[in-house]
Amino acid sequence: MASAIANRFAKALAELVARPNSGLTPEQAISQLAAFEALYRESPELKNVLLSPAVPGARKRAVVRRLADDRGIAPLIRKFLFVMIDHRRLNYLSAIRQAFEAVLDEKLGLVRVDVASAREIAGPQRERMIGELSKLTGRQVRANFAVDGTLLGGAAVRIGSVTYDGSVRGQLETLLRRLKAE
């Protein structure tokens, strides 16, 4: 049920952002929604106020309005948050943001890729890897790079539900499985 709710809200927001008069690019909308989500997630007091049935909706909207004004959150995102308050859906904020990013990626023809490596991949090496991943997928890539201390070397790449494990750890595990099978 949570994913159905998240998808419904995400698609609605994507349609609003796609309008010429929205005043936001998709990237700005993602950034602003993520900024509010981080604030919401990191402040137990804010979360308690916004989720409490004892706090009137008008008071919740006033709190969100003030926070949005202080952080320069666009009117469209603010109104979207108001709708979430009115429908008591703020507890789905993280899922909605993730679904919103997925909807926008699909509309823009992007594919999300997670790259975990033993050390940081930077500069030209990062650009080269993104280029190769774009060739592999046939689509423009939005890559998320992370350092994984459990890897000995190399990298593991996840595209959707498929993982390409080029890490030393992955190769050693494959070798171990083969040796056990013999």
N, C-alpha and C. Protein backbone atom coordinates (compact mmCIF):
# COMPACT_ATOMS: atom_id res chain seq x y z
N MET A 1 0.82 -1.19 0.00
CA MET A 1 0.00 0.00 0.00
C MET A 1 0.86 1.26 0.00
N ALA A 2 1.97 1.23 0.75
CA ALA A 2 2.84 2.41 0.83
C ALA A 2 3.38 2.78 -0.54
N SER A 3 3.78 1.77 -1.33
CA SER A 3 4.34 2.09 -2.64
C SER A 3 3.26 2.63 -3.58
N ALA A 4 2.03 2.15 -3.44
CA ALA A 4 0.94 2.68 -4.26
C ALA A 4 0.67 4.14 -3.93
N ILE A 5 0.68 4.46 -2.65
CA ILE A 5 0.49 5.85 -2.21
C ILE A 5 1.64 6.71 -2.71
N ALA A 6 2.86 6.22 -2.53
CA ALA A 6 4.05 6.97 -2.96
C ALA A 6 4.02 7.21 -4.46
N ASN A 7 3.67 6.19 -5.23
CA ASN A 7 3.63 6.35 -6.69
C ASN A 7 2.56 7.34 -7.12
N ARG A 8 1.41 7.30 -6.48
CA ARG A 8 0.33 8.23 -6.83
C ARG A 8 0.76 9.67 -6.58
N PHE A 9 1.32 9.94 -5.42
CA PHE A 9 1.77 11.30 -5.10
C PHE A 9 2.95 11.70 -6.00
N ALA A 10 3.86 10.78 -6.26
CA ALA A 10 5.03 11.07 -7.09
C ALA A 10 4.62 11.44 -8.51
N LYS A 11 3.68 10.69 -9.07
CA LYS A 11 3.22 10.98 -10.43
C LYS A 11 2.52 12.33 -10.49
N ALA A 12 1.74 12.64 -9.47
CA ALA A 12 1.06 13.94 -9.43
C ALA A 12 2.07 15.08 -9.38
N LEU A 13 3.09 14.95 -8.54
CA LEU A 13 4.11 15.99 -8.44
C LEU A 13 4.89 16.10 -9.75
N ALA A 14 5.19 14.99 -10.38
CA ALA A 14 5.92 15.01 -11.65
C ALA A 14 5.12 15.75 -12.72
N GLU A 15 3.81 15.54 -12.74
CA GLU A 15 2.96 16.25 -13.70
C GLU A 15 2.97 17.75 -13.44
N LEU A 16 2.94 18.13 -12.17
CA LEU A 16 2.98 19.55 -11.81
C LEU A 16 4.31 20.19 -12.20
N VAL A 17 5.39 19.50 -11.94
CA VAL A 17 6.72 20.03 -12.26
C VAL A 17 6.91 20.15 -13.77
N ALA A 18 6.29 19.25 -14.53
CA ALA A 18 6.44 19.25 -15.99
C ALA A 18 5.71 20.42 -16.66
N ARG A 19 4.79 21.04 -15.96
CA ARG A 19 4.06 22.17 -16.53
C ARG A 19 5.02 23.34 -16.77
N PRO A 20 4.81 24.06 -17.88
CA PRO A 20 5.72 25.17 -18.20
C PRO A 20 5.74 26.28 -17.13
N ASN A 21 4.65 26.47 -16.44
CA ASN A 21 4.57 27.55 -15.44
C ASN A 21 4.92 27.09 -14.03
N SER A 22 5.51 25.90 -13.90
CA SER A 22 5.81 25.38 -12.56
C SER A 22 6.91 26.19 -11.87
N GLY A 23 7.80 26.78 -12.65
CA GLY A 23 8.88 27.56 -12.07
C GLY A 23 10.01 26.71 -11.51
N LEU A 24 9.97 25.41 -11.75
CA LEU A 24 11.00 24.50 -11.23
C LEU A 24 11.48 23.55 -12.31
N THR A 25 12.77 23.27 -12.29
CA THR A 25 13.28 22.18 -13.11
C THR A 25 13.09 20.90 -12.30
N PRO A 26 13.09 19.75 -12.96
CA PRO A 26 12.99 18.50 -12.19
C PRO A 26 14.08 18.38 -11.13
N GLU A 27 15.29 18.80 -11.46
CA GLU A 27 16.40 18.70 -10.50
C GLU A 27 16.15 19.59 -9.28
N GLN A 28 15.62 20.79 -9.51
CA GLN A 28 15.31 21.69 -8.40
C GLN A 28 14.23 21.09 -7.51
N ALA A 29 13.22 20.50 -8.13
CA ALA A 29 12.13 19.89 -7.36
C ALA A 29 12.67 18.74 -6.50
N ILE A 30 13.52 17.90 -7.08
CA ILE A 30 14.12 16.80 -6.32
C ILE A 30 14.93 17.35 -5.16
N SER A 31 15.75 18.34 -5.45
CA SER A 31 16.63 18.92 -4.43
C SER A 31 15.83 19.53 -3.28
N GLN A 32 14.78 20.27 -3.60
CA GLN A 32 13.99 20.92 -2.55
C GLN A 32 13.19 19.91 -1.74
N LEU A 33 12.64 18.91 -2.39
CA LEU A 33 11.91 17.87 -1.66
C LEU A 33 12.88 17.09 -0.77
N ALA A 34 14.07 16.80 -1.28
CA ALA A 34 15.08 16.09 -0.49
C ALA A 34 15.54 16.93 0.70
N ALA A 35 15.66 18.24 0.50
CA ALA A 35 16.08 19.13 1.60
C ALA A 35 15.03 19.13 2.71
N PHE A 36 13.75 19.19 2.33
CA PHE A 36 12.71 19.16 3.36
C PHE A 36 12.68 17.79 4.03
N GLU A 37 12.86 16.74 3.24
CA GLU A 37 12.86 15.39 3.81
C GLU A 37 13.98 15.24 4.84
N ALA A 38 15.16 15.76 4.53
CA ALA A 38 16.30 15.67 5.46
C ALA A 38 15.98 16.40 6.76
N LEU A 39 15.39 17.58 6.64
CA LEU A 39 15.00 18.35 7.82
C LEU A 39 13.98 17.57 8.65
N TYR A 40 13.00 17.01 7.99
CA TYR A 40 11.94 16.23 8.63
C TYR A 40 12.52 14.99 9.33
N ARG A 41 13.41 14.30 8.64
CA ARG A 41 14.01 13.07 9.16
C ARG A 41 14.91 13.36 10.36
N GLU A 42 15.64 14.48 10.32
CA GLU A 42 16.64 14.77 11.36
C GLU A 42 16.08 15.50 12.57
N SER A 43 14.83 15.94 12.50
CA SER A 43 14.25 16.68 13.62
C SER A 43 13.07 15.91 14.21
N PRO A 44 13.28 15.20 15.31
CA PRO A 44 12.17 14.47 15.92
C PRO A 44 11.03 15.39 16.34
N GLU A 45 11.37 16.61 16.77
CA GLU A 45 10.32 17.55 17.19
C GLU A 45 9.43 17.92 16.00
N LEU A 46 10.05 18.21 14.86
CA LEU A 46 9.28 18.55 13.67
C LEU A 46 8.41 17.37 13.25
N LYS A 47 8.98 16.19 13.26
CA LYS A 47 8.24 14.99 12.88
C LYS A 47 7.04 14.79 13.81
N ASN A 48 7.25 14.97 15.10
CA ASN A 48 6.15 14.80 16.07
C ASN A 48 5.03 15.79 15.81
N VAL A 49 5.37 17.04 15.54
CA VAL A 49 4.35 18.06 15.29
C VAL A 49 3.57 17.73 14.02
N LEU A 50 4.30 17.39 12.95
CA LEU A 50 3.65 17.17 11.66
C LEU A 50 2.86 15.87 11.58
N LEU A 51 3.20 14.90 12.41
CA LEU A 51 2.47 13.63 12.39
C LEU A 51 1.39 13.53 13.45
N SER A 52 1.40 14.43 14.41
CA SER A 52 0.46 14.35 15.53
C SER A 52 -0.97 14.70 15.09
N PRO A 53 -1.92 13.81 15.38
CA PRO A 53 -3.32 14.12 15.08
C PRO A 53 -3.87 15.22 15.99
N ALA A 54 -3.18 15.50 17.10
CA ALA A 54 -3.64 16.54 18.03
C ALA A 54 -3.32 17.95 17.53
N VAL A 55 -2.39 18.06 16.60
CA VAL A 55 -2.02 19.38 16.05
C VAL A 55 -2.89 19.65 14.83
N PRO A 56 -3.61 20.78 14.85
CA PRO A 56 -4.49 21.09 13.71
C PRO A 56 -3.71 21.27 12.41
N GLY A 57 -4.36 20.94 11.31
CA GLY A 57 -3.74 21.06 9.99
C GLY A 57 -3.24 22.47 9.70
N ALA A 58 -3.99 23.48 10.13
CA ALA A 58 -3.58 24.87 9.89
C ALA A 58 -2.25 25.16 10.58
N ARG A 59 -2.07 24.62 11.77
CA ARG A 59 -0.81 24.82 12.50
C ARG A 59 0.34 24.10 11.79
N LYS A 60 0.08 22.90 11.30
CA LYS A 60 1.10 22.15 10.56
C LYS A 60 1.51 22.90 9.30
N ARG A 61 0.51 23.44 8.57
CA ARG A 61 0.82 24.19 7.36
C ARG A 61 1.62 25.44 7.68
N ALA A 62 1.32 26.09 8.81
CA ALA A 62 2.07 27.28 9.21
C ALA A 62 3.53 26.93 9.49
N VAL A 63 3.76 25.80 10.13
CA VAL A 63 5.13 25.35 10.41
C VAL A 63 5.86 25.08 9.11
N VAL A 64 5.22 24.36 8.19
CA VAL A 64 5.84 24.05 6.90
C VAL A 64 6.08 25.33 6.10
N ARG A 65 5.12 26.25 6.13
CA ARG A 65 5.27 27.51 5.40
C ARG A 65 6.51 28.27 5.89
N ARG A 66 6.67 28.33 7.20
CA ARG A 66 7.81 29.07 7.77
C ARG A 66 9.13 28.38 7.40
N LEU A 67 9.17 27.07 7.53
CA LEU A 67 10.39 26.34 7.17
C LEU A 67 10.70 26.49 5.68
N ALA A 68 9.68 26.42 4.86
CA ALA A 68 9.87 26.55 3.41
C ALA A 68 10.38 27.95 3.06
N ASP A 69 9.81 28.96 3.70
CA ASP A 69 10.27 30.33 3.46
C ASP A 69 11.73 30.50 3.89
N ASP A 70 12.07 29.97 5.05
CA ASP A 70 13.44 30.09 5.56
C ASP A 70 14.46 29.40 4.66
N ARG A 71 14.05 28.33 4.00
CA ARG A 71 14.98 27.54 3.19
C ARG A 71 14.82 27.76 1.70
N GLY A 72 13.97 28.69 1.31
CA GLY A 72 13.81 29.01 -0.11
C GLY A 72 13.15 27.91 -0.92
N ILE A 73 12.27 27.16 -0.29
CA ILE A 73 11.55 26.10 -1.00
C ILE A 73 10.45 26.73 -1.83
N ALA A 74 10.38 26.33 -3.08
CA ALA A 74 9.45 26.92 -4.05
C ALA A 74 7.99 26.71 -3.63
N PRO A 75 7.12 27.64 -4.05
CA PRO A 75 5.69 27.53 -3.72
C PRO A 75 5.07 26.20 -4.15
N LEU A 76 5.48 25.67 -5.28
CA LEU A 76 4.91 24.40 -5.75
C LEU A 76 5.21 23.27 -4.77
N ILE A 77 6.43 23.18 -4.29
CA ILE A 77 6.80 22.12 -3.34
C ILE A 77 6.09 22.36 -2.02
N ARG A 78 5.99 23.61 -1.62
CA ARG A 78 5.28 23.95 -0.37
C ARG A 78 3.82 23.50 -0.46
N LYS A 79 3.16 23.82 -1.57
CA LYS A 79 1.76 23.42 -1.74
C LYS A 79 1.63 21.89 -1.77
N PHE A 80 2.60 21.24 -2.38
CA PHE A 80 2.59 19.78 -2.41
C PHE A 80 2.68 19.22 -0.99
N LEU A 81 3.53 19.81 -0.17
CA LEU A 81 3.65 19.40 1.23
C LEU A 81 2.34 19.65 1.98
N PHE A 82 1.66 20.75 1.66
CA PHE A 82 0.36 21.04 2.28
C PHE A 82 -0.64 19.94 1.94
N VAL A 83 -0.65 19.51 0.68
CA VAL A 83 -1.56 18.43 0.27
C VAL A 83 -1.23 17.15 1.05
N MET A 84 0.06 16.88 1.21
CA MET A 84 0.46 15.70 1.99
C MET A 84 -0.04 15.82 3.44
N ILE A 85 0.03 17.02 4.00
CA ILE A 85 -0.47 17.24 5.36
C ILE A 85 -1.97 17.00 5.40
N ASP A 86 -2.69 17.58 4.45
CA ASP A 86 -4.15 17.46 4.42
C ASP A 86 -4.60 16.01 4.28
N HIS A 87 -3.82 15.21 3.57
CA HIS A 87 -4.17 13.80 3.37
C HIS A 87 -3.45 12.86 4.34
N ARG A 88 -2.78 13.46 5.31
CA ARG A 88 -2.04 12.69 6.34
C ARG A 88 -1.08 11.68 5.71
N ARG A 89 -0.23 12.19 4.82
CA ARG A 89 0.71 11.32 4.10
C ARG A 89 2.17 11.71 4.32
N LEU A 90 2.46 12.60 5.25
CA LEU A 90 3.85 12.99 5.48
C LEU A 90 4.71 11.83 5.94
N ASN A 91 4.10 10.83 6.55
CA ASN A 91 4.88 9.67 6.98
C ASN A 91 5.42 8.88 5.78
N TYR A 92 4.93 9.17 4.59
CA TYR A 92 5.41 8.53 3.36
C TYR A 92 6.39 9.42 2.59
N LEU A 93 6.86 10.48 3.20
CA LEU A 93 7.68 11.47 2.50
C LEU A 93 8.89 10.85 1.81
N SER A 94 9.62 10.01 2.49
CA SER A 94 10.82 9.40 1.91
C SER A 94 10.46 8.53 0.70
N ALA A 95 9.44 7.72 0.85
CA ALA A 95 9.00 6.85 -0.25
C ALA A 95 8.49 7.68 -1.43
N ILE A 96 7.80 8.77 -1.14
CA ILE A 96 7.29 9.64 -2.21
C ILE A 96 8.45 10.30 -2.95
N ARG A 97 9.46 10.78 -2.21
CA ARG A 97 10.61 11.40 -2.86
C ARG A 97 11.33 10.40 -3.75
N GLN A 98 11.53 9.19 -3.26
CA GLN A 98 12.21 8.17 -4.05
C GLN A 98 11.39 7.82 -5.30
N ALA A 99 10.09 7.68 -5.14
CA ALA A 99 9.23 7.37 -6.29
C ALA A 99 9.21 8.53 -7.27
N PHE A 100 9.24 9.77 -6.76
CA PHE A 100 9.27 10.96 -7.60
C PHE A 100 10.55 10.96 -8.45
N GLU A 101 11.68 10.66 -7.84
CA GLU A 101 12.94 10.59 -8.59
C GLU A 101 12.86 9.52 -9.67
N ALA A 102 12.27 8.38 -9.35
CA ALA A 102 12.15 7.29 -10.32
C ALA A 102 11.24 7.69 -11.48
N VAL A 103 10.13 8.37 -11.19
CA VAL A 103 9.21 8.83 -12.24
C VAL A 103 9.91 9.82 -13.16
N LEU A 104 10.63 10.77 -12.57
CA LEU A 104 11.35 11.76 -13.38
C LEU A 104 12.44 11.10 -14.21
N ASP A 105 13.16 10.17 -13.63
CA ASP A 105 14.20 9.47 -14.38
C ASP A 105 13.60 8.76 -15.58
N GLU A 106 12.47 8.12 -15.37
CA GLU A 106 11.81 7.42 -16.47
C GLU A 106 11.38 8.39 -17.56
N LYS A 107 10.79 9.52 -17.16
CA LYS A 107 10.35 10.53 -18.14
C LYS A 107 11.53 11.10 -18.92
N LEU A 108 12.66 11.27 -18.25
CA LEU A 108 13.84 11.85 -18.88
C LEU A 108 14.73 10.81 -19.57
N GLY A 109 14.35 9.54 -19.47
CA GLY A 109 15.12 8.48 -20.09
C GLY A 109 16.43 8.18 -19.37
N LEU A 110 16.46 8.44 -18.09
CA LEU A 110 17.67 8.19 -17.29
C LEU A 110 17.58 6.84 -16.61
N VAL A 111 18.74 6.27 -16.33
CA VAL A 111 18.79 5.05 -15.54
C VAL A 111 19.69 5.34 -14.34
N ARG A 112 19.26 4.91 -13.17
CA ARG A 112 20.05 5.09 -11.94
C ARG A 112 21.00 3.92 -11.79
N VAL A 113 22.23 4.27 -11.43
CA VAL A 113 23.27 3.27 -11.26
C VAL A 113 23.97 3.55 -9.93
N ASP A 114 24.15 2.50 -9.14
CA ASP A 114 24.90 2.62 -7.89
C ASP A 114 26.25 1.95 -8.08
N VAL A 115 27.31 2.69 -7.79
CA VAL A 115 28.66 2.17 -7.93
C VAL A 115 29.32 2.18 -6.55
N ALA A 116 29.71 1.00 -6.09
CA ALA A 116 30.44 0.87 -4.82
C ALA A 116 31.87 0.47 -5.16
N SER A 117 32.83 1.18 -4.60
CA SER A 117 34.23 0.88 -4.91
C SER A 117 35.06 0.89 -3.63
N ALA A 118 36.24 0.29 -3.72
CA ALA A 118 37.13 0.21 -2.56
C ALA A 118 37.70 1.57 -2.20
N ARG A 119 37.87 2.42 -3.22
CA ARG A 119 38.35 3.78 -2.97
C ARG A 119 37.53 4.73 -3.84
N GLU A 120 37.64 6.01 -3.55
CA GLU A 120 36.83 6.99 -4.27
C GLU A 120 37.21 7.03 -5.74
N ILE A 121 36.19 7.07 -6.58
CA ILE A 121 36.38 7.22 -8.02
C ILE A 121 36.08 8.69 -8.32
N ALA A 122 37.07 9.39 -8.87
CA ALA A 122 36.90 10.83 -9.08
C ALA A 122 37.36 11.23 -10.48
N GLY A 123 36.98 12.46 -10.84
CA GLY A 123 37.46 13.11 -12.05
C GLY A 123 37.24 12.33 -13.32
N PRO A 124 38.31 12.24 -14.14
CA PRO A 124 38.19 11.60 -15.45
C PRO A 124 37.78 10.13 -15.37
N GLN A 125 38.25 9.45 -14.33
CA GLN A 125 37.89 8.03 -14.16
C GLN A 125 36.39 7.89 -13.95
N ARG A 126 35.80 8.80 -13.17
CA ARG A 126 34.36 8.78 -12.92
C ARG A 126 33.60 9.04 -14.23
N GLU A 127 34.05 10.05 -14.98
CA GLU A 127 33.39 10.38 -16.25
C GLU A 127 33.49 9.22 -17.24
N ARG A 128 34.65 8.58 -17.28
CA ARG A 128 34.85 7.44 -18.17
C ARG A 128 33.91 6.30 -17.79
N MET A 129 33.78 6.06 -16.48
CA MET A 129 32.89 4.99 -16.01
C MET A 129 31.44 5.30 -16.37
N ILE A 130 31.02 6.54 -16.19
CA ILE A 130 29.65 6.94 -16.55
C ILE A 130 29.43 6.74 -18.04
N GLY A 131 30.43 7.10 -18.85
CA GLY A 131 30.33 6.90 -20.30
C GLY A 131 30.17 5.43 -20.66
N GLU A 132 30.95 4.57 -20.03
CA GLU A 132 30.86 3.13 -20.30
C GLU A 132 29.52 2.56 -19.85
N LEU A 133 29.04 3.03 -18.70
CA LEU A 133 27.74 2.56 -18.22
C LEU A 133 26.62 3.03 -19.14
N SER A 134 26.75 4.23 -19.70
CA SER A 134 25.75 4.72 -20.66
C SER A 134 25.74 3.84 -21.90
N LYS A 135 26.93 3.45 -22.37
CA LYS A 135 27.01 2.55 -23.53
C LYS A 135 26.36 1.20 -23.21
N LEU A 136 26.64 0.69 -22.01
CA LEU A 136 26.11 -0.60 -21.59
C LEU A 136 24.58 -0.59 -21.54
N THR A 137 24.01 0.48 -20.98
CA THR A 137 22.56 0.54 -20.80
C THR A 137 21.84 1.13 -22.01
N GLY A 138 22.56 1.88 -22.83
CA GLY A 138 21.92 2.55 -23.96
C GLY A 138 21.10 3.75 -23.53
N ARG A 139 21.31 4.20 -22.31
CA ARG A 139 20.56 5.35 -21.79
C ARG A 139 21.53 6.26 -21.04
N GLN A 140 21.07 7.48 -20.81
CA GLN A 140 21.86 8.39 -19.99
C GLN A 140 21.84 7.89 -18.55
N VAL A 141 22.97 7.99 -17.88
CA VAL A 141 23.13 7.42 -16.54
C VAL A 141 23.17 8.51 -15.49
N ARG A 142 22.45 8.28 -14.40
CA ARG A 142 22.58 9.09 -13.19
C ARG A 142 23.23 8.17 -12.16
N ALA A 143 24.52 8.42 -11.91
CA ALA A 143 25.29 7.51 -11.06
C ALA A 143 25.44 8.03 -9.65
N ASN A 144 25.35 7.11 -8.72
CA ASN A 144 25.59 7.39 -7.31
C ASN A 144 26.84 6.60 -6.92
N PHE A 145 27.91 7.32 -6.60
CA PHE A 145 29.17 6.67 -6.24
C PHE A 145 29.32 6.64 -4.73
N ALA A 146 29.78 5.50 -4.21
CA ALA A 146 30.01 5.36 -2.77
C ALA A 146 31.25 4.50 -2.54
N VAL A 147 31.94 4.78 -1.46
CA VAL A 147 33.09 3.97 -1.07
C VAL A 147 32.59 2.90 -0.10
N ASP A 148 32.96 1.65 -0.39
CA ASP A 148 32.57 0.52 0.46
C ASP A 148 33.85 -0.07 1.06
N GLY A 149 34.03 0.14 2.34
CA GLY A 149 35.22 -0.32 3.04
C GLY A 149 35.38 -1.83 3.07
N THR A 150 34.32 -2.57 2.78
CA THR A 150 34.42 -4.04 2.81
C THR A 150 35.03 -4.59 1.51
N LEU A 151 35.13 -3.74 0.49
CA LEU A 151 35.72 -4.18 -0.77
C LEU A 151 37.24 -4.08 -0.68
N LEU A 152 37.93 -5.06 -1.23
CA LEU A 152 39.40 -5.06 -1.23
C LEU A 152 39.95 -4.24 -2.39
N GLY A 153 39.22 -4.22 -3.48
CA GLY A 153 39.63 -3.50 -4.68
C GLY A 153 38.54 -3.65 -5.72
N GLY A 154 38.62 -2.87 -6.79
CA GLY A 154 37.62 -2.96 -7.85
C GLY A 154 36.34 -2.25 -7.48
N ALA A 155 35.25 -2.65 -8.15
CA ALA A 155 33.96 -1.99 -7.93
C ALA A 155 32.82 -2.96 -8.19
N ALA A 156 31.69 -2.66 -7.57
CA ALA A 156 30.45 -3.39 -7.82
C ALA A 156 29.43 -2.36 -8.31
N VAL A 157 28.76 -2.68 -9.41
CA VAL A 157 27.82 -1.76 -10.03
C VAL A 157 26.44 -2.39 -10.02
N ARG A 158 25.45 -1.63 -9.53
CA ARG A 158 24.06 -2.11 -9.52
C ARG A 158 23.25 -1.24 -10.46
N ILE A 159 22.63 -1.88 -11.45
CA ILE A 159 21.74 -1.21 -12.39
C ILE A 159 20.39 -1.88 -12.24
N GLY A 160 19.45 -1.18 -11.61
CA GLY A 160 18.16 -1.79 -11.33
C GLY A 160 18.34 -2.96 -10.38
N SER A 161 17.91 -4.14 -10.80
CA SER A 161 18.03 -5.31 -9.94
C SER A 161 19.24 -6.18 -10.30
N VAL A 162 20.05 -5.72 -11.25
CA VAL A 162 21.21 -6.49 -11.71
C VAL A 162 22.48 -5.89 -11.12
N THR A 163 23.33 -6.76 -10.55
CA THR A 163 24.61 -6.32 -10.00
C THR A 163 25.74 -6.92 -10.80
N TYR A 164 26.66 -6.06 -11.22
CA TYR A 164 27.89 -6.47 -11.90
C TYR A 164 29.00 -6.32 -10.86
N ASP A 165 29.53 -7.45 -10.41
CA ASP A 165 30.51 -7.41 -9.34
C ASP A 165 31.91 -7.60 -9.90
N GLY A 166 32.64 -6.51 -10.03
CA GLY A 166 34.02 -6.54 -10.49
C GLY A 166 34.98 -6.29 -9.35
N SER A 167 34.49 -6.52 -8.14
CA SER A 167 35.34 -6.29 -6.97
C SER A 167 36.23 -7.50 -6.72
N VAL A 168 37.34 -7.27 -6.06
CA VAL A 168 38.23 -8.36 -5.69
C VAL A 168 37.49 -9.31 -4.75
N ARG A 169 36.72 -8.76 -3.82
CA ARG A 169 35.96 -9.60 -2.90
C ARG A 169 35.01 -10.51 -3.67
N GLY A 170 34.30 -9.95 -4.64
CA GLY A 170 33.37 -10.74 -5.45
C GLY A 170 34.07 -11.84 -6.22
N GLN A 171 35.24 -11.53 -6.77
CA GLN A 171 36.00 -12.53 -7.51
C GLN A 171 36.50 -13.64 -6.59
N LEU A 172 36.94 -13.27 -5.39
CA LEU A 172 37.38 -14.27 -4.41
C LEU A 172 36.22 -15.17 -3.97
N GLU A 173 35.04 -14.57 -3.77
CA GLU A 173 33.87 -15.36 -3.38
C GLU A 173 33.48 -16.33 -4.50
N THR A 174 33.57 -15.89 -5.75
CA THR A 174 33.27 -16.76 -6.88
C THR A 174 34.26 -17.91 -6.95
N LEU A 175 35.53 -17.59 -6.75
CA LEU A 175 36.57 -18.63 -6.75
C LEU A 175 36.32 -19.64 -5.63
N LEU A 176 35.97 -19.16 -4.45
CA LEU A 176 35.69 -20.03 -3.31
C LEU A 176 34.51 -20.96 -3.61
N ARG A 177 33.45 -20.43 -4.21
CA ARG A 177 32.29 -21.26 -4.57
C ARG A 177 32.68 -22.35 -5.57
N ARG A 178 33.52 -21.99 -6.54
CA ARG A 178 33.95 -22.97 -7.55
C ARG A 178 34.79 -24.07 -6.90
N LEU A 179 35.68 -23.67 -6.00
CA LEU A 179 36.52 -24.66 -5.33
C LEU A 179 35.69 -25.59 -4.46
N LYS A 180 34.68 -25.07 -3.79
CA LYS A 180 33.80 -25.90 -2.95
C LYS A 180 32.98 -26.86 -3.80
N ALA A 181 32.62 -26.43 -4.99
CA ALA A 181 31.80 -27.26 -5.87
C ALA A 181 32.59 -28.44 -6.44
N GLU A 182 33.91 -28.30 -6.52
CA GLU A 182 34.73 -29.37 -7.10
C GLU A 182 35.00 -30.46 -6.15
